[in-house]
Protein backbone atom coordinates (compact mmCIF):
# COMPACT_ATOMS: atom_id res chain seq x y z
CA UNK A 1 287.14 100.12 -206.53
CA UNK A 2 290.88 99.62 -207.14
CA UNK A 3 292.05 100.02 -210.72
CA UNK A 4 294.39 97.35 -212.02
CA UNK A 5 296.86 98.21 -214.75
CA UNK A 6 298.36 95.26 -216.60
CA UNK A 7 301.38 95.16 -218.83
CA UNK A 8 302.74 92.19 -220.80
CA UNK A 9 306.49 91.86 -221.12
CA UNK A 10 308.60 89.37 -223.12
CA UNK A 11 311.76 87.87 -221.63
CA UNK A 12 314.09 86.84 -224.43
CA UNK A 13 317.06 84.50 -223.93
CA UNK A 14 319.32 83.66 -226.94
CA UNK A 15 321.83 80.88 -227.57
CA UNK A 16 323.99 80.56 -230.69
CA UNK A 17 326.11 77.95 -232.42
CA UNK A 18 327.74 77.85 -235.75
CA UNK A 19 324.71 76.62 -237.62
CA UNK A 20 321.85 78.49 -236.11
CA UNK A 21 320.56 81.13 -233.72
CA UNK A 22 317.86 80.12 -231.21
CA UNK A 23 315.53 82.64 -229.58
CA UNK A 24 313.24 81.54 -226.63
CA UNK A 25 310.48 83.78 -225.37
CA UNK A 26 308.58 83.51 -222.03
CA UNK A 27 305.50 85.62 -221.52
CA UNK A 28 304.58 86.89 -218.03
CA UNK A 29 302.15 89.49 -216.65
CA UNK A 30 303.01 92.19 -214.17
CA UNK A 31 300.92 94.59 -212.13
CA UNK A 32 301.29 98.14 -210.87
CA UNK A 33 300.92 97.02 -207.24
CA UNK A 34 297.12 97.20 -206.71
CA UNK A 35 295.92 94.08 -208.57
CA UNK A 36 296.73 91.63 -211.32
CA UNK A 37 295.37 89.16 -213.85
CA UNK A 38 297.19 85.87 -213.83
CA UNK A 39 296.89 82.93 -216.16
CA UNK A 40 299.35 80.26 -215.00
CA UNK A 41 301.41 80.43 -218.17
CA UNK A 42 304.64 80.42 -216.23
CA UNK A 43 303.83 77.80 -213.59
CA UNK A 44 301.45 75.62 -215.48
CA UNK A 45 298.94 76.02 -212.63
CA UNK A 46 295.38 77.42 -212.93
CA UNK A 47 296.27 80.22 -210.57
CA UNK A 48 293.01 82.14 -211.20
CA UNK A 49 291.00 79.15 -210.06
CA UNK A 50 293.26 78.70 -207.04
CA UNK A 51 292.77 82.30 -205.94
CA UNK A 52 289.00 82.03 -206.57
CA UNK A 53 288.80 78.93 -204.37
CA UNK A 54 290.86 80.52 -201.62
CA UNK A 55 288.64 83.60 -201.67
CA UNK A 56 285.53 81.37 -201.67
CA UNK A 57 286.81 79.59 -198.55
CA UNK A 58 287.41 82.91 -196.85
CA UNK A 59 283.87 84.02 -197.83
CA UNK A 60 282.21 81.18 -195.90
CA UNK A 61 281.97 83.21 -192.65
CA UNK A 62 280.28 86.02 -194.65
CA UNK A 63 277.82 83.56 -196.14
CA UNK A 64 277.04 82.27 -192.67
CA UNK A 65 276.40 85.83 -191.52
CA UNK A 66 274.11 86.39 -194.52
CA UNK A 67 272.17 83.25 -193.61
CA UNK A 68 271.91 84.51 -190.02
CA UNK A 69 270.66 87.85 -191.32
CA UNK A 70 268.03 86.16 -193.50
CA UNK A 71 266.88 84.09 -190.52
CA UNK A 72 266.65 87.22 -188.37
CA UNK A 73 264.72 89.07 -191.07
CA UNK A 74 262.33 86.11 -191.28
CA UNK A 75 261.81 86.44 -187.52
CA UNK A 76 261.01 90.14 -187.93
CA UNK A 77 258.47 89.38 -190.67
CA UNK A 78 256.91 86.56 -188.66
CA UNK A 79 256.82 88.72 -185.54
CA UNK A 80 254.91 91.32 -187.56
CA UNK A 81 252.35 88.68 -188.56
CA UNK A 82 252.06 87.62 -184.93
CA UNK A 83 251.50 91.21 -183.79
CA UNK A 84 248.78 91.69 -186.42
CA UNK A 85 246.95 88.60 -185.16
CA UNK A 86 247.15 89.82 -181.57
CA UNK A 87 245.90 93.25 -182.65
CA UNK A 88 242.98 91.61 -184.48
CA UNK A 89 242.12 89.72 -181.29
CA UNK A 90 242.27 92.94 -179.31
CA UNK A 91 239.88 94.63 -181.77
CA UNK A 92 237.33 91.85 -181.37
CA UNK A 93 237.67 91.93 -177.59
CA UNK A 94 237.29 95.71 -177.65
CA UNK A 95 234.00 95.36 -179.54
CA UNK A 96 232.70 93.11 -176.75
CA UNK A 97 234.05 95.22 -173.89
CA UNK A 98 231.01 97.53 -173.73
CA UNK A 99 227.37 96.75 -173.14
CA UNK A 100 226.52 98.19 -176.54
CA UNK A 101 228.98 95.84 -178.23
CA UNK A 102 228.10 92.75 -176.21
CA UNK A 103 224.36 93.11 -175.72
CA UNK A 104 222.69 92.88 -179.08
CA UNK A 105 218.98 93.50 -178.63
CA UNK A 106 216.32 92.94 -181.25
CA UNK A 107 212.78 94.33 -181.58
CA UNK A 108 210.22 91.66 -182.36
CA UNK A 109 206.59 91.78 -183.44
CA UNK A 110 206.41 95.43 -184.48
CA UNK A 111 204.06 96.39 -187.32
CA UNK A 112 206.34 98.28 -189.69
CA UNK A 113 203.33 100.10 -191.18
CA UNK A 114 202.81 101.71 -187.79
CA UNK A 115 206.34 102.38 -186.52
CA UNK A 116 210.03 101.77 -187.01
CA UNK A 117 211.57 100.65 -183.71
CA UNK A 118 215.15 99.74 -182.76
CA UNK A 119 216.74 98.90 -179.40
CA UNK A 120 220.04 100.34 -178.15
CA UNK A 121 222.48 99.12 -175.51
CA UNK A 122 220.58 100.68 -172.59
CA UNK A 123 217.24 99.16 -173.53
CA UNK A 124 215.65 96.64 -171.19
CA UNK A 125 214.01 93.41 -172.17
CA UNK A 126 210.23 93.47 -172.11
CA UNK A 127 207.03 93.75 -174.11
CA UNK A 128 205.20 96.96 -175.02
CA UNK A 129 202.06 98.22 -176.71
CA UNK A 130 201.78 101.09 -179.18
CA UNK A 131 198.75 102.80 -180.71
CA UNK A 132 199.15 105.77 -183.04
CA UNK A 133 196.12 108.06 -183.21
CA UNK A 134 197.65 110.97 -185.12
CA UNK A 135 200.86 111.74 -186.98
CA UNK A 136 202.52 115.11 -186.63
CA UNK A 137 201.85 117.62 -189.38
CA UNK A 138 203.30 120.86 -190.69
CA UNK A 139 201.26 124.05 -190.64
CA UNK A 140 200.57 125.31 -194.21
CA UNK A 141 198.67 128.35 -195.48
CA UNK A 142 197.75 129.33 -199.04
CA UNK A 143 196.76 132.89 -200.00
CA UNK A 144 193.94 133.36 -202.48
CA UNK A 145 194.90 132.70 -206.07
CA UNK A 146 195.85 135.26 -208.72
CA UNK A 147 195.98 134.80 -212.47
CA UNK A 148 199.58 136.04 -212.98
CA UNK A 149 202.46 135.34 -210.63
CA UNK A 150 204.58 138.12 -212.14
CA UNK A 151 202.04 140.94 -211.82
CA UNK A 152 202.67 143.47 -209.04
CA UNK A 153 199.90 143.31 -206.42
CA UNK A 154 200.69 146.25 -204.12
CA UNK A 155 199.26 149.65 -205.02
CA UNK A 156 201.67 151.71 -202.92
CA UNK A 157 205.04 151.17 -201.26
CA UNK A 158 205.02 149.87 -197.68
CA UNK A 159 202.17 147.42 -197.93
CA UNK A 160 202.99 144.20 -196.06
CA UNK A 161 202.29 140.62 -194.96
CA UNK A 162 202.36 140.05 -191.19
CA UNK A 163 202.42 136.72 -189.32
CA UNK A 164 203.72 135.13 -186.14
CA UNK A 165 205.65 131.88 -185.56
CA UNK A 166 206.20 130.95 -181.94
CA UNK A 167 207.00 134.25 -180.25
CA UNK A 168 208.49 135.89 -183.34
CA UNK A 169 206.41 138.43 -185.26
CA UNK A 170 207.34 138.99 -188.91
CA UNK A 171 206.27 142.07 -190.90
CA UNK A 172 207.37 141.72 -194.53
CA UNK A 173 206.94 144.99 -196.48
CA UNK A 174 207.12 145.40 -200.25
CA UNK A 175 207.41 148.20 -202.77
CA UNK A 176 204.67 148.60 -205.35
CA UNK A 177 207.01 147.86 -208.25
CA UNK A 178 208.37 144.69 -206.52
CA UNK A 179 205.24 143.01 -205.30
CA UNK A 180 204.53 140.03 -207.57
CA UNK A 181 203.83 136.68 -205.88
CA UNK A 182 207.32 135.46 -206.74
CA UNK A 183 208.91 138.61 -205.27
CA UNK A 184 206.75 138.43 -202.13
CA UNK A 185 207.72 134.78 -201.61
CA UNK A 186 211.36 135.71 -201.97
CA UNK A 187 211.05 138.50 -199.39
CA UNK A 188 209.30 136.16 -196.91
CA UNK A 189 212.04 133.58 -197.28
CA UNK A 190 214.70 136.22 -196.69
CA UNK A 191 212.98 137.59 -193.60
CA UNK A 192 211.63 134.40 -191.99
CA UNK A 193 213.52 131.57 -193.64
CA UNK A 194 214.38 129.93 -190.30
CA UNK A 195 210.71 129.48 -189.44
CA UNK A 196 208.81 129.28 -192.74
CA UNK A 197 209.34 128.56 -196.41
CA UNK A 198 207.33 130.41 -199.04
CA UNK A 199 206.66 129.22 -202.59
CA UNK A 200 204.31 129.90 -205.50
CA UNK A 201 202.08 127.06 -206.74
CA UNK A 202 199.77 126.98 -209.76
CA UNK A 203 196.59 125.25 -208.59
CA UNK A 204 194.79 125.96 -211.87
CA UNK A 205 195.63 124.91 -215.41
CA UNK A 206 197.97 126.28 -218.05
CA UNK A 207 195.06 127.92 -219.85
CA UNK A 208 193.35 129.12 -216.68
CA UNK A 209 196.07 129.45 -214.04
CA UNK A 210 195.54 130.22 -210.38
CA UNK A 211 198.79 131.07 -208.64
CA UNK A 212 198.80 130.85 -204.85
CA UNK A 213 201.44 131.96 -202.38
CA UNK A 214 202.02 129.07 -199.94
CA UNK A 215 203.71 129.41 -196.56
CA UNK A 216 204.79 126.27 -194.69
CA UNK A 217 206.34 126.03 -191.25
CA UNK A 218 209.81 124.51 -191.04
CA UNK A 219 208.83 122.77 -187.76
CA UNK A 220 206.07 120.23 -187.40
CA UNK A 221 203.56 120.24 -184.55
CA UNK A 222 201.75 122.94 -182.67
CA UNK A 223 204.95 124.82 -181.83
CA UNK A 224 205.51 125.42 -185.54
CA UNK A 225 202.08 126.90 -186.26
CA UNK A 226 201.83 130.13 -188.25
CA UNK A 227 199.12 132.39 -186.83
CA UNK A 228 197.82 135.98 -186.87
CA UNK A 229 198.33 136.18 -190.63
CA UNK A 230 197.27 139.53 -192.08
CA UNK A 231 197.97 141.35 -195.31
CA UNK A 232 197.68 144.98 -196.40
CA UNK A 233 198.75 144.22 -199.97
CA UNK A 234 195.71 145.08 -202.07
CA UNK A 235 195.93 142.17 -204.45
CA UNK A 236 196.88 139.53 -201.85
CA UNK A 237 194.07 138.10 -199.72
CA UNK A 238 193.78 135.46 -196.99
CA UNK A 239 191.48 134.41 -194.13
CA UNK A 240 193.95 134.09 -191.25
CA UNK A 241 191.55 132.52 -188.74
CA UNK A 242 193.38 129.95 -186.63
CA UNK A 243 192.33 126.34 -185.95
CA UNK A 244 189.89 125.35 -183.24
CA UNK A 245 190.71 123.68 -179.93
CA UNK A 246 190.70 120.24 -181.56
CA UNK A 247 193.29 121.28 -184.09
CA UNK A 248 190.82 121.48 -186.96
CA UNK A 249 191.15 124.24 -189.55
CA UNK A 250 188.55 127.01 -189.49
CA UNK A 251 189.89 128.77 -192.58
CA UNK A 252 189.93 127.37 -196.10
CA UNK A 253 193.34 129.00 -196.49
CA UNK A 254 194.76 126.81 -193.68
CA UNK A 255 195.67 123.84 -195.91
CA UNK A 256 197.05 121.70 -193.08
CA UNK A 257 197.11 122.46 -189.40
CA UNK A 258 200.34 121.96 -187.51
CA UNK A 259 199.43 119.26 -185.00
CA UNK A 260 201.44 117.16 -182.61
CA UNK A 261 201.75 113.42 -183.08
CA UNK A 262 199.53 111.54 -180.64
CA UNK A 263 200.16 107.97 -179.49
CA UNK A 264 199.44 105.67 -176.59
CA UNK A 265 202.47 103.69 -175.40
CA UNK A 266 201.93 101.06 -172.72
CA UNK A 267 198.59 102.67 -171.94
CA UNK A 268 199.95 106.22 -171.56
CA UNK A 269 198.81 108.94 -173.98
CA UNK A 270 201.82 110.89 -175.25
CA UNK A 271 202.19 113.86 -177.61
CA UNK A 272 205.31 114.93 -179.50
CA UNK A 273 205.76 117.76 -181.98
CA UNK A 274 207.35 115.31 -184.43
CA UNK A 275 206.88 111.61 -185.14
CA UNK A 276 209.93 110.77 -183.07
CA UNK A 277 209.01 109.13 -179.75
CA UNK A 278 212.54 107.90 -178.95
CA UNK A 279 212.59 109.58 -175.54
CA UNK A 280 209.67 107.57 -174.19
CA UNK A 281 211.22 104.13 -173.50
CA UNK A 282 214.85 104.19 -172.41
CA UNK A 283 217.23 102.94 -175.09
CA UNK A 284 214.43 102.37 -177.61
CA UNK A 285 214.13 104.44 -180.81
CA UNK A 286 210.51 104.83 -181.97
CA UNK A 287 209.57 106.61 -185.19
CA UNK A 288 205.86 106.39 -185.95
CA UNK A 289 204.96 106.19 -189.63
CA UNK A 290 201.24 105.41 -189.72
CA UNK A 291 198.03 105.10 -187.77
CA UNK A 292 197.19 101.85 -186.03
CA UNK A 293 198.11 99.60 -183.14
CA UNK A 294 201.07 97.27 -182.62
CA UNK A 295 202.65 95.16 -179.92
CA UNK A 296 206.40 94.68 -179.82
CA UNK A 297 209.03 93.09 -177.62
CA UNK A 298 212.66 93.86 -176.75
CA UNK A 299 214.64 90.63 -176.69
CA UNK A 300 218.27 89.56 -176.96
CA UNK A 301 219.37 89.10 -180.55
CA UNK A 302 220.81 85.64 -180.04
CA UNK A 303 222.07 85.29 -183.58
CA UNK A 304 223.93 88.60 -183.45
CA UNK A 305 225.45 87.76 -180.05
CA UNK A 306 226.54 84.30 -181.24
CA UNK A 307 228.07 85.86 -184.35
CA UNK A 308 230.05 88.37 -182.28
CA UNK A 309 231.25 85.62 -179.95
CA UNK A 310 232.19 83.37 -182.89
CA UNK A 311 234.24 86.21 -184.39
CA UNK A 312 236.08 86.70 -181.11
CA UNK A 313 236.73 82.97 -180.77
CA UNK A 314 237.99 82.83 -184.36
CA UNK A 315 240.43 85.69 -183.71
CA UNK A 316 241.56 84.00 -180.48
CA UNK A 317 242.08 80.66 -182.22
CA UNK A 318 244.09 82.34 -184.98
CA UNK A 319 246.56 83.52 -182.32
CA UNK A 320 246.67 80.13 -180.60
CA UNK A 321 247.13 78.24 -183.90
CA UNK A 322 249.95 80.57 -184.89
CA UNK A 323 251.71 80.05 -181.56
CA UNK A 324 251.27 76.29 -181.77
CA UNK A 325 252.82 76.24 -185.24
CA UNK A 326 255.72 78.45 -184.17
CA UNK A 327 256.41 76.30 -181.10
CA UNK A 328 256.66 73.14 -183.21
CA UNK A 329 259.96 71.26 -183.49
CA UNK A 330 260.01 68.11 -185.59
CA UNK A 331 263.38 66.28 -185.75
CA UNK A 332 264.82 65.49 -189.17
CA UNK A 333 263.66 62.16 -190.60
CA UNK A 334 267.18 61.43 -191.85
CA UNK A 335 270.65 62.90 -191.92
CA UNK A 336 269.88 64.40 -195.31
CA UNK A 337 266.84 66.28 -194.03
CA UNK A 338 266.51 69.38 -191.88
CA UNK A 339 264.32 69.53 -188.77
CA UNK A 340 260.99 71.35 -189.03
CA UNK A 341 261.25 74.32 -186.68
CA UNK A 342 258.99 77.33 -186.28
CA UNK A 343 260.63 80.64 -187.16
CA UNK A 344 259.88 82.00 -183.66
CA UNK A 345 260.48 78.70 -181.86
CA UNK A 346 261.30 79.46 -178.23
CA UNK A 347 260.90 83.23 -178.69
CA UNK A 348 259.89 85.16 -175.58
CA UNK A 349 257.02 86.84 -177.45
CA UNK A 350 255.21 83.50 -177.70
CA UNK A 351 255.47 82.91 -173.97
CA UNK A 352 254.40 86.46 -173.14
CA UNK A 353 251.29 86.31 -175.32
CA UNK A 354 250.34 82.89 -173.98
CA UNK A 355 250.66 84.10 -170.39
CA UNK A 356 248.65 87.24 -171.18
CA UNK A 357 245.77 85.34 -172.74
CA UNK A 358 245.68 82.78 -169.96
CA UNK A 359 245.80 85.33 -167.16
CA UNK A 360 243.18 87.53 -168.81
CA UNK A 361 240.57 84.89 -169.55
CA UNK A 362 241.15 81.86 -167.36
CA UNK A 363 242.82 82.90 -164.10
CA UNK A 364 239.56 83.56 -162.30
CA UNK A 365 239.79 84.09 -158.57
CA UNK A 366 238.83 80.86 -156.79
CA UNK A 367 236.63 82.71 -154.30
CA UNK A 368 234.61 84.15 -157.18
CA UNK A 369 234.06 80.70 -158.63
CA UNK A 370 233.12 79.17 -155.28
CA UNK A 371 230.61 81.92 -154.55
CA UNK A 372 229.06 81.71 -158.01
CA UNK A 373 225.70 80.08 -157.33
CA UNK A 374 224.27 81.06 -160.74
CA UNK A 375 227.01 79.66 -163.00
CA UNK A 376 228.30 82.79 -164.74
CA UNK A 377 231.84 83.15 -163.39
CA UNK A 378 233.90 81.35 -166.08
CA UNK A 379 233.84 80.91 -169.84
CA UNK A 380 233.23 77.18 -169.57
CA UNK A 381 230.10 77.76 -167.48
CA UNK A 382 228.52 79.88 -170.22
CA UNK A 383 229.36 77.51 -173.09
CA UNK A 384 232.89 78.45 -174.18
CA UNK A 385 235.28 75.51 -173.76
CA UNK A 386 239.00 75.05 -174.44
CA UNK A 387 240.53 71.90 -175.96
CA UNK A 388 243.96 70.35 -175.38
CA UNK A 389 245.54 72.58 -178.05
CA UNK A 390 244.21 75.69 -176.34
CA UNK A 391 241.55 76.38 -178.99
CA UNK A 392 238.15 77.73 -177.98
CA UNK A 393 234.75 76.56 -179.17
CA UNK A 394 231.21 77.79 -178.53
CA UNK A 395 228.37 75.57 -177.39
CA UNK A 396 225.55 77.59 -178.95
CA UNK A 397 222.81 75.76 -177.07
CA UNK A 398 224.38 76.42 -173.70
CA UNK A 399 225.20 80.01 -174.62
CA UNK A 400 221.56 80.61 -175.63
CA UNK A 401 220.41 79.12 -172.34
CA UNK A 402 222.60 81.56 -170.42
CA UNK A 403 221.20 84.46 -172.46
CA UNK A 404 217.69 83.44 -171.50
CA UNK A 405 218.62 82.66 -167.91
CA UNK A 406 220.17 85.99 -166.95
CA UNK A 407 221.42 88.35 -169.61
CA UNK A 408 222.75 90.81 -167.03
CA UNK A 409 224.99 88.24 -165.33
CA UNK A 410 226.23 87.03 -168.69
CA UNK A 411 227.16 90.59 -169.64
CA UNK A 412 228.94 91.08 -166.33
CA UNK A 413 231.30 88.20 -167.17
CA UNK A 414 232.49 89.93 -170.33
CA UNK A 415 231.92 93.66 -169.67
CA UNK A 416 233.27 95.87 -166.89
CA UNK A 417 229.96 97.55 -166.06
CA UNK A 418 231.12 99.09 -162.76
CA UNK A 419 234.28 100.77 -164.12
CA UNK A 420 237.99 100.28 -163.58
CA UNK A 421 239.48 100.89 -160.12
CA UNK A 422 243.09 100.11 -159.20
CA UNK A 423 244.69 99.53 -155.83
CA UNK A 424 245.88 102.97 -154.59
CA UNK A 425 249.06 101.32 -153.28
CA UNK A 426 249.94 99.74 -156.64
CA UNK A 427 253.28 100.82 -158.09
CA UNK A 428 253.36 102.10 -161.67
CA UNK A 429 254.14 99.57 -164.41
CA UNK A 430 253.63 96.58 -162.13
CA UNK A 431 250.93 94.01 -162.98
CA UNK A 432 248.92 95.20 -159.98
CA UNK A 433 248.87 98.72 -161.41
CA UNK A 434 246.75 97.50 -164.33
CA UNK A 435 244.42 95.24 -162.35
CA UNK A 436 240.79 96.12 -161.64
CA UNK A 437 240.04 95.71 -157.93
CA UNK A 438 236.27 95.80 -158.37
CA UNK A 439 234.22 92.61 -158.34
CA UNK A 440 233.06 93.08 -161.91
CA UNK A 441 236.24 93.38 -163.97
CA UNK A 442 234.98 92.16 -167.35
CA UNK A 443 237.03 89.53 -169.21
CA UNK A 444 237.05 91.53 -172.45
CA UNK A 445 238.11 94.75 -170.71
CA UNK A 446 240.90 92.90 -168.92
CA UNK A 447 242.08 91.30 -172.15
CA UNK A 448 242.10 94.61 -174.02
CA UNK A 449 244.04 96.31 -171.23
CA UNK A 450 246.62 93.52 -171.03
CA UNK A 451 247.10 93.33 -174.79
CA UNK A 452 247.65 97.09 -174.84
CA UNK A 453 250.52 96.59 -172.39
CA UNK A 454 251.77 93.64 -174.42
CA UNK A 455 251.80 95.49 -177.72
CA UNK A 456 253.78 98.32 -176.18
CA UNK A 457 254.26 102.07 -176.08
CA UNK A 458 251.43 102.39 -173.58
CA UNK A 459 251.54 105.37 -171.28
CA UNK A 460 250.51 103.99 -167.89
CA UNK A 461 248.81 107.25 -167.03
CA UNK A 462 249.66 108.56 -163.58
CA UNK A 463 253.40 107.84 -163.64
CA UNK A 464 253.87 109.18 -167.16
CA UNK A 465 256.20 106.30 -167.96
CA UNK A 466 256.04 104.97 -171.51
CA UNK A 467 255.93 101.18 -171.30
CA UNK A 468 257.59 99.35 -174.18
CA UNK A 469 255.87 96.08 -174.99
CA UNK A 470 257.28 92.69 -175.89
CA UNK A 471 256.77 93.14 -179.63
CA UNK A 472 258.70 96.40 -179.70
CA UNK A 473 261.42 94.94 -177.53
CA UNK A 474 261.83 91.92 -179.80
CA UNK A 475 261.72 94.15 -182.88
CA UNK A 476 264.48 96.34 -181.44
CA UNK A 477 266.54 93.25 -180.58
CA UNK A 478 266.22 91.83 -184.09
CA UNK A 479 266.92 95.21 -185.71
CA UNK A 480 270.06 95.61 -183.60
CA UNK A 481 271.20 92.12 -184.57
CA UNK A 482 270.74 92.81 -188.27
CA UNK A 483 272.73 96.03 -187.91
CA UNK A 484 275.56 94.16 -186.20
CA UNK A 485 275.49 91.51 -188.93
CA UNK A 486 275.54 94.12 -191.70
CA UNK A 487 278.44 95.92 -190.02
CA UNK A 488 280.32 92.62 -189.65
CA UNK A 489 279.65 91.68 -193.28
CA UNK A 490 280.90 95.05 -194.48
CA UNK A 491 284.07 94.69 -192.39
CA UNK A 492 284.70 91.15 -193.59
CA UNK A 493 284.05 92.13 -197.22
CA UNK A 494 286.75 94.80 -196.91
CA UNK A 495 289.16 92.29 -195.37
CA UNK A 496 288.27 89.70 -198.02
CA UNK A 497 289.04 92.14 -200.83
CA UNK A 498 292.42 92.85 -199.24
CA UNK A 499 293.01 89.09 -198.95
CA UNK A 500 292.08 88.54 -202.60
CA UNK A 501 294.50 91.24 -203.73
CA UNK A 502 297.19 89.74 -201.52
CA UNK A 503 296.68 86.29 -203.08
CA UNK A 504 296.71 87.77 -206.59
CA UNK A 505 300.01 89.50 -205.83
CA UNK A 506 301.54 86.34 -204.42
CA UNK A 507 300.60 84.23 -207.39
CA UNK A 508 301.66 86.99 -209.75
CA UNK A 509 305.10 86.92 -208.19
CA UNK A 510 305.08 83.12 -208.46
CA UNK A 511 304.18 83.39 -212.12
CA UNK A 512 306.93 85.93 -212.58
CA UNK A 513 309.46 83.71 -210.86
CA UNK A 514 308.37 80.54 -212.65
CA UNK A 515 308.28 82.35 -215.96
CA UNK A 516 311.85 83.50 -215.47
CA UNK A 517 313.00 80.06 -214.43
CA UNK A 518 311.27 78.46 -217.39
CA UNK A 519 312.83 80.95 -219.74
CA UNK A 520 316.26 80.28 -218.30
CA UNK A 521 315.70 76.54 -218.49
CA UNK A 522 314.62 76.75 -222.10
CA UNK A 523 317.60 78.92 -222.92
CA UNK A 524 319.94 76.49 -221.16
CA UNK A 525 318.40 73.53 -222.96
CA UNK A 526 318.73 75.34 -226.25
CA UNK A 527 322.39 76.12 -225.56
CA UNK A 528 323.18 72.55 -224.60
CA UNK A 529 321.37 71.30 -227.67
CA UNK A 530 323.36 73.62 -229.86
CA UNK A 531 326.70 72.47 -228.33
CA UNK A 532 325.78 68.86 -228.76
CA UNK A 533 324.97 69.40 -232.36
């Protein structure tokens, strides 16, 4: 910032006559050449106000640039809102672009005291029967009780407990001075912790305790059984006789026998080592929880499917409503009013998004429509209509009818179930390069793919070319414009400051000149007055 040094001088002009001496003073302000403060004392003009007005007039182009910058920044902010809405639409479409996202299946009629059953995306509609005859169980053994869990039981070093789990034989040896039940349990856990867990339980009372060493398999079912249990520890006893062919215990020490779960599903008897029968019916998770019989059905979850479709339609309508508002131009009601214009009125991003949505959802090949004898080729045929403003709405009754009529064909309209295949002759980054040439293209898959291109920075894959989308292009254009405006404002501000200093200097010289002339005139008047007297 320039520093202005100001000095005040006094011009004195004298005139004398015989009777008196007259002294006239005129005050003026000077400057060291870089700036000045002027007050109009010499000219009688409000020179500060004049300079301020002149500078204000010269600032008008800067103010216009600032307005243009604010308008451009508003476009950037509004473009960001627009992009967020389009991204939200893409997310909803993406959720519906797979069978798992589109096909919501529900299990009906199941007795929750018998089983917990859910249906996944690969499940098929139908009815089933389930009867649970036996739940899986874990093999548990308890050694005979002892009165003190901390008393050493072995009489010599090297005594052991031996048992087998699966094909693994465990031989756990102890030293005589480290052979209490607690210490034996600890050694078993260290040696065979992957297959069994050992603990000490008091099955008696506090006054008459009976501590038992309990071994439990970590795996349920027959594969987890513990067998061939023997002990050479003098104070530790057990009858290791295994269960019979029916899975019934033959030894009192065999607390529970490790048995497989047994159930009949759709008339077929099935065993599993656990209570999980999820591999029996494709796409259906079955966890049995109790004995008994139940019938259940796999049916479309109409409410869930309607909810998903409503959410997609809502996201779509948000984009359409935004574009309609931005494309609005309402003339001013009077000369004193301004027209009502959308911030992005006429912007290319609005046209690009509109074209993308239309081509993705509504430009269905005529041949496909003509050959559609079942009525599943367009959105309108399945209950999704579009009004004059471009907004979508769902006819729930018609949509439900299509679900019941043929769920597979309905899914084919929205989901690309046969995969994406492009024309081998298609050139990279052309519209054809991103088109699916298969019959089943899936409206949601097409929309997601096209929005990805629209949003930008999408690597097209084979060509390795990074495609910049319309939003990024518009953002770059607006950013470049703001930079040019800021550069222009900075340049004009520098020129305006030079202009202001120039005006100050000019009026300072005027003040200096007028001050001198006034002083001379006053001196002359004083001299003439003195002569006349």
